[in-house]
Protein backbone atom coordinates (compact mmCIF):
# COMPACT_ATOMS: atom_id res chain seq x y z
CA MET A 1 5.80 -9.39 -15.84
CA ALA A 2 8.52 -6.70 -14.11
CA ASN A 3 9.34 -3.86 -15.21
CA PRO A 4 12.88 -4.38 -16.26
CA SER A 5 13.87 -1.09 -15.31
CA SER A 6 16.92 -0.69 -12.96
CA THR A 7 14.67 1.49 -10.31
CA ALA A 8 11.69 -0.20 -10.38
CA ALA A 9 12.24 -1.45 -6.98
CA TYR A 10 12.84 1.61 -5.29
CA LEU A 11 9.56 3.01 -7.02
CA ALA A 12 7.38 0.12 -5.45
CA ALA A 13 8.92 0.33 -2.08
CA ASN A 14 9.13 4.79 -1.86
CA ARG A 15 6.72 5.58 -4.50
CA PHE A 16 3.73 3.44 -3.70
CA GLY A 17 5.19 2.10 -0.27
CA TRP A 18 5.65 4.26 2.64
CA SER A 19 9.84 3.37 2.18
CA GLU A 20 11.73 0.40 2.96
CA THR A 21 14.54 -0.48 5.02
CA SER A 22 15.59 -2.53 1.63
CA THR A 23 14.41 -3.30 -1.23
CA ARG A 24 15.39 -6.88 -1.91
CA ALA A 25 12.62 -8.26 -0.36
CA LEU A 26 10.67 -7.48 -3.70
CA GLY A 27 12.91 -9.71 -5.65
CA ALA A 28 12.91 -9.48 -9.20
CA ASP A 29 9.30 -8.72 -9.33
CA PRO A 30 8.34 -5.38 -7.86
CA GLN A 31 4.77 -5.34 -10.03
CA GLY A 32 4.63 -8.42 -8.41
CA TRP A 33 4.91 -7.48 -5.48
CA VAL A 34 2.48 -4.39 -5.38
CA LEU A 35 0.27 -6.91 -7.20
CA ALA A 36 0.27 -9.84 -4.72
CA GLN A 37 -0.97 -7.27 -1.78
CA PHE A 38 -3.91 -6.76 -2.98
CA ARG A 39 -5.09 -10.02 -3.15
CA GLN A 40 -4.10 -10.53 1.36
CA PRO A 41 -3.49 -6.86 2.53
CA SER A 42 -3.22 -6.98 6.23
CA SER A 43 -5.59 -5.41 8.78
CA PRO A 44 -4.44 -3.66 11.98
CA PRO A 45 -4.59 -5.94 15.07
CA ASP A 46 -7.64 -6.32 16.73
CA ALA A 47 -7.26 -3.98 19.63
CA GLY A 48 -10.55 -4.15 21.36
CA LEU A 49 -10.88 -0.44 19.92
CA PRO A 50 -14.48 0.67 20.61
CA PRO A 51 -17.39 0.89 17.80
CA SER A 52 -18.59 3.98 16.49
CA SER A 53 -21.79 3.58 17.27
CA GLN A 54 -20.44 3.30 21.59
CA LEU A 55 -18.04 6.64 20.70
CA TRP A 56 -21.26 8.31 19.53
CA VAL A 57 -23.27 7.30 22.59
CA GLN A 58 -20.61 9.19 24.77
CA THR A 59 -20.19 11.58 22.46
CA ARG A 60 -23.55 12.46 22.64
CA ALA A 61 -23.61 12.47 27.02
CA VAL A 62 -20.58 15.13 26.63
CA LEU A 63 -22.62 17.34 24.37
CA ARG A 64 -25.87 16.79 26.28
CA ALA A 65 -23.82 17.34 29.45
CA ALA A 66 -22.25 20.31 28.33
CA ASN A 67 -25.86 21.96 27.55
CA GLY A 68 -27.32 21.59 30.45
CA ALA A 69 -29.51 18.45 29.52
CA GLY A 70 -28.54 16.43 31.71
CA ASN A 71 -26.61 13.00 31.80
CA ALA A 72 -28.92 11.63 29.13
CA GLY A 73 -30.38 9.28 31.56
CA ASN A 74 -28.09 7.20 32.51
CA VAL A 75 -27.64 8.42 36.51
CA GLY A 76 -23.92 7.08 38.16
CA THR A 77 -22.81 7.08 34.55
CA PRO A 78 -21.22 10.97 34.21
CA PRO A 79 -19.66 11.48 30.72
CA ASP A 80 -16.19 11.18 30.30
CA ARG A 81 -14.19 13.24 28.00
CA ASP A 82 -11.39 11.76 28.75
CA ALA A 83 -12.56 8.13 28.18
CA ILE A 84 -13.21 9.38 24.46
CA ARG A 85 -9.63 10.95 23.68
CA GLN A 86 -8.00 8.49 25.09
CA ALA A 87 -10.00 5.77 23.01
CA THR A 88 -9.20 7.99 19.90
CA LEU A 89 -5.29 8.70 21.01
CA ARG A 90 -5.34 4.73 21.24
CA ALA A 91 -6.96 4.40 17.43
CA LEU A 92 -4.51 6.52 16.41
CA GLY A 93 -1.55 4.62 17.81
CA VAL A 94 -2.62 1.43 16.39
CA ARG A 95 -3.62 2.78 12.86
CA TRP A 96 0.25 4.47 12.59
CA ASN A 97 1.89 1.56 13.86
CA HIS A 98 -0.03 -0.29 11.06
CA ILE A 99 1.44 1.62 7.94
CA ILE A 100 4.80 1.34 10.07
CA ALA A 101 4.96 -2.61 9.98
CA THR A 102 2.52 -3.66 7.02
CA PRO A 103 3.87 -6.10 4.62
CA THR A 104 1.53 -4.64 2.69
CA PRO A 105 2.39 -1.07 2.62
CA VAL A 106 1.22 0.21 -1.11
CA ALA A 107 -2.40 -1.74 -0.48
CA GLU A 108 -2.69 0.35 2.72
CA ARG A 109 -1.37 3.20 0.82
CA TRP A 110 -4.68 2.52 -1.07
CA VAL A 111 -6.93 2.39 1.91
CA GLN A 112 -5.46 5.82 2.52
CA PHE A 113 -6.48 7.32 -0.34
CA TRP A 114 -9.92 6.16 -0.10
CA ALA A 115 -9.91 7.72 3.30
CA ASN A 116 -9.33 11.20 2.27
CA HIS A 117 -11.46 10.75 -1.02
CA LEU A 118 -14.03 10.07 1.44
CA CYS A 119 -12.71 11.87 4.32
CA VAL A 120 -14.70 13.31 7.31
CA SER A 121 -13.37 15.78 9.80
CA GLY A 122 -12.45 15.71 12.78
CA THR A 123 -12.41 19.87 12.82
CA ARG A 124 -16.83 18.97 13.63
CA GLY A 125 -16.13 18.34 17.29
CA PRO A 126 -19.26 15.73 17.81
CA VAL A 127 -17.41 14.14 14.57
CA ALA A 128 -13.76 14.23 16.09
CA PRO A 129 -14.40 10.72 18.17
CA LEU A 130 -15.68 8.95 14.69
CA VAL A 131 -13.06 9.41 12.90
CA TRP A 132 -10.74 6.49 12.75
CA ALA A 133 -13.91 4.27 13.69
CA TYR A 134 -15.68 5.35 9.96
CA GLU A 135 -12.06 4.40 8.65
CA ARG A 136 -12.23 1.34 10.09
CA GLU A 137 -15.10 0.50 9.89
CA ALA A 138 -16.56 1.89 6.68
CA ILE A 139 -13.00 1.94 4.27
CA ARG A 140 -10.95 -0.86 4.94
CA PRO A 141 -13.64 -3.89 4.94
CA HIS A 142 -14.71 -2.32 1.50
CA ALA A 143 -11.48 -0.77 -0.47
CA PHE A 144 -10.50 -4.08 -2.06
CA GLY A 145 -13.98 -5.21 -3.30
CA ASN A 146 -16.87 -3.00 -5.43
CA LEU A 147 -17.26 1.21 -5.68
CA ALA A 148 -21.14 0.86 -5.30
CA HIS A 149 -20.25 -0.64 -1.64
CA LEU A 150 -17.70 0.84 -0.89
CA LEU A 151 -19.54 4.59 -1.25
CA LYS A 152 -22.37 2.55 0.87
CA ALA A 153 -20.80 2.32 3.10
CA ALA A 154 -19.18 5.00 3.76
CA THR A 155 -22.15 7.90 2.88
CA LEU A 156 -24.43 5.76 5.28
CA HIS A 157 -21.66 5.77 8.92
CA PRO A 158 -22.66 7.63 11.18
CA ALA A 159 -19.46 10.02 10.91
CA MET A 160 -20.79 10.73 7.39
CA LEU A 161 -23.89 11.62 8.60
CA LEU A 162 -23.37 13.49 11.42
CA TYR A 163 -20.35 15.40 9.65
CA LEU A 164 -22.28 16.49 6.53
CA ASP A 165 -25.90 16.87 8.52
CA ASN A 166 -27.41 14.53 6.52
CA THR A 167 -28.79 13.60 10.47
CA GLN A 168 -31.04 17.06 10.42
CA SER A 169 -31.86 16.89 6.91
CA ILE A 170 -36.10 16.03 6.52
CA GLY A 171 -38.34 15.53 4.07
CA PRO A 172 -39.89 19.02 3.59
CA GLN A 173 -43.23 17.00 3.20
CA SER A 174 -42.65 14.49 5.52
CA LEU A 175 -44.42 13.42 8.62
CA ALA A 176 -41.52 14.97 10.70
CA GLY A 177 -41.48 17.75 8.38
CA GLN A 178 -44.90 19.02 8.64
CA ARG A 179 -44.64 19.50 12.18
CA ARG A 180 -41.42 21.35 12.38
CA GLU A 181 -39.21 23.63 11.31
CA LYS A 182 -36.53 21.84 10.21
CA GLY A 183 -36.24 21.22 6.45
CA LEU A 184 -33.80 19.27 3.73
CA ASN A 185 -30.01 20.23 4.44
CA GLU A 186 -28.46 19.27 0.94
CA ASN A 187 -24.73 19.38 2.51
CA LEU A 188 -24.20 15.04 1.93
CA ALA A 189 -26.07 15.10 -1.00
CA ARG A 190 -23.73 17.97 -3.25
CA GLU A 191 -20.81 16.66 -1.86
CA LEU A 192 -21.52 12.78 -2.94
CA LEU A 193 -22.35 14.17 -6.30
CA GLU A 194 -19.60 16.44 -6.49
CA LEU A 195 -16.92 15.07 -4.56
CA HIS A 196 -17.45 11.42 -4.21
CA THR A 197 -18.69 10.51 -7.50
CA LEU A 198 -19.74 12.80 -10.34
CA GLY A 199 -16.78 15.84 -10.18
CA VAL A 200 -17.49 19.06 -10.29
CA ASN A 201 -17.80 19.07 -14.06
CA GLY A 202 -20.04 15.56 -13.58
CA GLY A 203 -22.92 16.58 -15.63
CA TYR A 204 -25.31 17.26 -12.74
CA THR A 205 -27.09 20.19 -11.52
CA GLN A 206 -28.65 21.93 -8.59
CA ALA A 207 -32.19 19.63 -8.96
CA ASP A 208 -30.11 16.94 -9.21
CA VAL A 209 -28.91 17.89 -5.99
CA THR A 210 -31.69 18.54 -4.16
CA GLU A 211 -33.51 15.87 -5.46
CA THR A 212 -30.76 13.68 -4.32
CA ALA A 213 -31.16 15.37 -0.69
CA LYS A 214 -34.69 14.69 -0.66
CA LEU A 215 -33.69 10.45 -1.50
CA LEU A 216 -31.77 10.50 1.86
CA THR A 217 -33.73 11.71 4.06
CA GLY A 218 -34.18 8.83 6.44
CA TRP A 219 -30.94 8.01 7.04
CA THR A 220 -30.06 9.42 10.71
CA ILE A 221 -28.91 8.41 13.58
CA PRO A 222 -31.70 8.05 16.43
CA PRO A 223 -31.07 10.69 18.72
CA GLN A 224 -32.39 8.09 21.49
CA GLY A 225 -31.21 5.02 20.34
CA ASP A 226 -27.90 2.96 20.78
CA GLY A 227 -25.75 5.12 17.99
CA GLN A 228 -26.86 3.11 14.84
CA VAL A 229 -27.85 4.14 11.64
CA ALA A 230 -31.20 3.78 10.87
CA PHE A 231 -34.00 4.16 7.90
CA VAL A 232 -36.89 6.71 9.69
CA PRO A 233 -39.51 6.78 7.05
CA ARG A 234 -41.39 9.82 8.96
CA THR A 235 -38.74 12.04 8.45
CA HIS A 236 -38.07 10.21 4.64
CA GLN A 237 -39.57 12.47 2.10
CA PRO A 238 -42.07 11.16 -0.21
CA GLY A 239 -42.61 10.57 -3.31
CA ALA A 240 -40.48 9.50 -6.10
CA LYS A 241 -36.66 11.13 -6.75
CA THR A 242 -36.20 12.10 -10.61
CA ILE A 243 -32.01 12.77 -10.48
CA LEU A 244 -29.74 12.42 -13.89
CA GLY A 245 -33.08 12.03 -15.67
CA LYS A 246 -33.70 8.11 -13.41
CA ARG A 247 -36.55 8.14 -11.69
CA TYR A 248 -35.99 6.47 -7.79
CA ALA A 249 -39.06 4.88 -5.80
CA GLU A 250 -39.97 6.40 -2.34
CA GLY A 251 -38.30 4.61 0.79
CA GLN A 252 -35.19 3.24 1.68
CA ALA A 253 -34.03 1.14 -0.83
CA ALA A 254 -33.33 4.12 -3.30
CA ILE A 255 -29.87 4.55 -2.31
CA ASP A 256 -28.89 0.62 -3.81
CA THR A 257 -29.88 1.80 -6.56
CA LEU A 258 -28.29 5.07 -6.89
CA LEU A 259 -24.89 4.53 -5.10
CA THR A 260 -24.74 1.57 -8.17
CA ASP A 261 -25.56 4.03 -10.15
CA LEU A 262 -23.11 6.43 -9.05
CA ALA A 263 -20.42 4.19 -9.43
CA ARG A 264 -20.82 3.23 -13.00
CA HIS A 265 -20.62 6.73 -14.49
CA PRO A 266 -18.69 7.51 -16.91
CA SER A 267 -18.14 10.82 -14.90
CA THR A 268 -17.64 8.75 -11.50
CA ALA A 269 -14.68 6.77 -13.35
CA ARG A 270 -13.00 9.89 -15.11
CA HIS A 271 -13.07 11.48 -12.24
CA LEU A 272 -11.29 8.71 -9.96
CA ALA A 273 -8.89 7.73 -12.70
CA THR A 274 -8.16 10.95 -12.45
CA LYS A 275 -7.25 11.14 -8.44
CA LEU A 276 -5.79 7.86 -8.41
CA ALA A 277 -3.09 8.25 -11.26
CA ARG A 278 -2.59 12.04 -9.70
CA HIS A 279 -2.17 10.37 -5.73
CA PHE A 280 0.05 7.30 -6.98
CA VAL A 281 2.15 8.64 -10.21
CA THR A 282 1.96 12.63 -10.61
CA ASP A 283 0.41 15.70 -10.31
CA GLN A 284 0.02 15.99 -14.11
CA PRO A 285 -1.16 12.32 -14.60
CA PRO A 286 -1.12 11.34 -18.20
CA ALA A 287 -4.02 11.37 -20.56
CA ASP A 288 -4.05 7.58 -21.34
CA LEU A 289 -3.24 6.17 -18.02
CA VAL A 290 -6.08 8.48 -16.61
CA GLN A 291 -8.05 6.73 -19.56
CA ALA A 292 -7.40 2.77 -18.90
CA VAL A 293 -7.91 3.46 -14.95
CA ALA A 294 -11.47 5.16 -16.22
CA GLN A 295 -12.13 2.50 -18.61
CA THR A 296 -11.77 -0.23 -16.41
CA LEU A 297 -13.90 1.09 -13.50
CA LEU A 298 -16.32 1.38 -15.77
CA GLN A 299 -16.00 -2.07 -18.28
CA THR A 300 -15.85 -3.87 -14.66
CA GLY A 301 -18.54 -1.98 -11.79
CA GLY A 302 -16.12 -0.23 -10.10
CA ASP A 303 -14.69 -3.35 -9.72
CA LEU A 304 -11.29 -1.75 -7.32
CA GLN A 305 -8.77 -5.03 -6.55
CA ALA A 306 -9.38 -4.66 -11.32
CA THR A 307 -8.76 -0.66 -11.16
CA ALA A 308 -5.94 -1.42 -9.10
CA ARG A 309 -4.16 -4.27 -11.35
CA THR A 310 -4.50 -1.65 -14.20
CA LEU A 311 -3.73 1.23 -12.44
CA PHE A 312 -0.21 -1.17 -11.33
CA THR A 313 0.68 -2.26 -14.87
CA HIS A 314 0.39 0.80 -16.65
CA PRO A 315 3.69 1.72 -18.10
CA GLU A 316 3.16 5.06 -17.54
CA THR A 317 2.62 4.81 -13.08
CA TRP A 318 6.76 2.98 -13.71
CA GLN A 319 8.40 6.00 -15.56
CA VAL A 320 10.87 7.53 -12.92
CA SER A 321 10.84 10.85 -15.84
CA HIS A 322 7.44 11.43 -13.20
CA PRO A 323 8.13 14.44 -11.08
CA GLY A 324 8.78 12.62 -7.35
CA LYS A 325 5.24 13.99 -5.18
CA TRP A 326 6.21 15.67 -2.01
CA LYS A 327 5.23 13.68 0.82
CA ARG A 328 2.53 14.79 2.51
CA PRO A 329 3.39 15.14 6.75
CA GLU A 330 1.80 12.29 7.90
CA GLU A 331 3.51 10.43 4.97
CA LEU A 332 6.71 11.55 6.01
CA VAL A 333 6.66 10.93 10.24
CA LEU A 334 5.35 7.35 9.12
CA SER A 335 7.93 6.90 6.66
CA ALA A 336 10.90 7.74 8.55
CA HIS A 337 9.57 5.05 11.61
CA ARG A 338 9.48 2.76 8.50
CA LEU A 339 12.96 2.42 6.93
CA LEU A 340 14.06 2.78 10.69
CA LYS A 341 11.22 -0.45 11.72
CA TRP A 342 11.30 2.08 14.90
CA PRO A 343 7.35 1.67 16.43
CA LEU A 344 5.46 5.36 17.39
CA GLU A 345 5.31 5.21 20.84
CA ARG A 346 4.73 9.19 21.58
CA ILE A 347 0.85 9.46 19.77
CA PRO A 348 0.30 13.21 21.58
CA PRO A 349 3.80 14.45 20.57
CA THR A 350 3.55 13.34 16.99
CA LEU A 351 0.37 14.19 16.49
CA ALA A 352 1.11 17.67 18.10
CA LEU A 353 4.16 17.91 15.07
CA LEU A 354 2.12 16.88 12.77
CA THR A 355 -0.55 19.50 13.17
CA ASP A 356 2.40 22.17 13.73
CA MET A 357 3.96 20.60 10.30
CA GLY A 358 0.21 21.89 8.57
CA GLN A 359 -2.06 18.93 8.25
CA PRO A 360 -3.47 17.59 11.95
CA PRO A 361 -4.11 14.33 11.76
CA GLY A 362 -8.07 13.20 11.13
CA LYS A 363 -9.28 17.53 10.71
CA PRO A 364 -8.61 18.11 6.91
CA PRO A 365 -10.28 21.36 6.27
CA SER A 366 -12.91 20.80 3.92
CA PRO A 367 -14.40 17.43 2.78
CA GLN A 368 -12.02 17.89 -0.05
CA GLY A 369 -9.71 15.60 1.92
CA TRP A 370 -6.32 16.94 2.09
CA PRO A 371 -5.07 18.34 -1.89
CA ASP A 372 -3.16 16.42 -3.58
CA VAL A 373 -1.19 18.84 -5.72
CA GLU A 374 1.29 19.61 -3.61
CA GLY A 375 1.46 23.11 -4.58
CA GLU A 376 -1.53 24.13 -2.65
CA TRP A 377 -0.10 22.82 0.53
CA LEU A 378 4.20 22.97 0.15
CA SER A 379 5.18 26.69 1.02
CA PRO A 380 8.60 27.67 2.37
CA GLN A 381 7.75 27.60 5.74
CA SER A 382 6.65 24.09 6.11
CA LEU A 383 9.62 22.82 4.72
CA TRP A 384 11.53 24.57 7.56
CA GLN A 385 10.11 22.67 9.39
CA ARG A 386 10.70 19.04 7.84
CA VAL A 387 14.46 20.40 7.86
CA ARG A 388 13.74 20.57 11.69
CA TRP A 389 11.84 17.46 12.38
CA ALA A 390 14.72 16.08 10.43
CA GLU A 391 17.00 17.16 12.71
CA GLY A 392 15.34 15.55 15.96
CA PHE A 393 14.33 12.67 14.32
CA ALA A 394 17.89 12.17 13.87
CA ARG A 395 18.98 13.30 17.28
CA GLN A 396 16.98 10.89 18.35
CA HIS A 397 17.84 7.82 16.37
CA GLY A 398 20.68 9.12 14.14
CA ASN A 399 23.32 6.37 16.45
CA GLN A 400 21.29 3.30 15.91
CA THR A 401 21.41 2.79 12.65
CA ASP A 402 24.62 3.88 9.62
CA ALA A 403 22.47 6.27 7.58
CA ARG A 404 25.20 5.50 4.51
CA GLU A 405 24.34 2.36 3.59
CA LEU A 406 20.85 3.24 4.56
CA ALA A 407 20.65 5.77 2.08
CA GLU A 408 22.05 3.17 -0.72
CA LEU A 409 19.49 0.05 0.65
CA SER A 410 16.43 1.99 0.39
CA LEU A 411 16.30 4.58 -2.49
CA GLY A 412 19.76 3.05 -4.18
CA PRO A 413 19.65 4.50 -7.62
CA LEU A 414 16.82 7.34 -6.76
CA LEU A 415 19.85 9.14 -4.45
CA THR A 416 21.44 12.17 -6.61
CA ASP A 417 25.07 12.36 -6.69
CA PRO A 418 25.54 15.40 -4.36
CA THR A 419 23.04 14.09 -2.03
CA ARG A 420 25.20 9.87 -1.58
CA GLN A 421 27.93 12.31 -1.42
CA GLU A 422 26.56 14.87 1.48
CA ILE A 423 25.84 11.81 3.56
CA ALA A 424 29.35 10.25 2.57
CA ARG A 425 30.73 13.00 4.31
CA ALA A 426 28.66 13.15 7.08
CA GLU A 427 30.91 13.63 10.69
CA SER A 428 28.48 11.93 12.58
CA GLY A 429 25.45 9.29 12.70
CA SER A 430 22.70 11.96 13.73
CA GLN A 431 24.02 14.02 10.93
CA ALA A 432 24.10 11.17 8.35
CA LEU A 433 20.38 10.56 9.19
CA THR A 434 19.20 14.01 9.23
CA LEU A 435 21.07 14.71 5.41
CA LEU A 436 18.74 11.61 4.22
CA LEU A 437 15.59 12.41 5.71
CA ALA A 438 15.84 16.16 4.96
CA SER A 439 17.21 15.07 1.29
CA PRO A 440 14.33 16.19 -1.57
CA GLU A 441 14.46 11.69 -2.55
CA PHE A 442 13.72 11.18 1.17
CA GLN A 443 10.90 13.99 1.29
CA ARG A 444 9.61 12.91 -1.99
CA ARG A 445 7.89 9.60 -3.22
């Protein structure tokens, strides 16, 4: 049933999506427009991008050469840093232009939520070339399925194993552990429990972290292999592990059982429901909305399609009284390109721009991802940078569109009278577009 509010179409386009040139396409049923996207979400075009395994083999060769270890045995094929960089830029360009042009923008925001929730970061050099392949291979194919499957795809992707050091984790009593000084690394185990599933107050203990780390030993990227993840028994900690009071058998099958149990845990449901409501609705989400989303996660065993339906059909989600959230820099820039139907062709300058605005794409500062509460990252300096960006963008595109008409078509009743009047009084097309893009109504979602 469609939301009766006259603002519903504009909320759907801007709060849940990436902005629309016009909301007419949403018709009389904005809620139906949102829900339909989850049944058939669009994907980026197949651009022949290299898989993560290939990227890791290339990156590994570069690292070995830099460390004086030769060329990994491939005589005549020196490692190519520039080829890796160009592949990374091409992947980013494909991703950005998909967001700009996709017919299912709300579904795309859903993908980006999970990519940030289960983030890997290019702040660690070896991970940087794999960030967009991780999103493409682990997040996107599973974001509309079952939570346990999504967790497994993310946890056992090469980028995650590298980022959180599971490739260096060896069971102390394993065959390999008894012959080396290296031992257990708890980074992946801790973030799996604290960030990805249960939450910081989810009821786990340090003993649970240690036992989870033991269970995860063996999952690695063999150093002489083809870049694929494998379970290596000789590095796996032998014996059963007890986590959250449940006993898990030795071996590679235990990870499926553990991730299924974590996906169906009440603490995970509360943690994820809170984050979803905070991202899509407001920084301080209403308790009844969080409870409804958490209940769906629990009752369906982690069905992410059902979870999305609950979120986007709940009355609180559509309340205009909730304060709009400031768009993160990437959201701001891409929504402007989407508003004007303007493809993004110059990838390096845009990458530099977003870095200057404080959030370099693919490089969140920690495994927590980019903060969703705007007070943690928005500052007077970043607001000034946004205004300067709006001026620069409008100089390039302002004479190619009627910003006055565009403001009404895209934001409609969300526009305040002062903003509408300022845009109407603009002395040029460039100035009008600057005022639209710099307005709080556009800068928020």
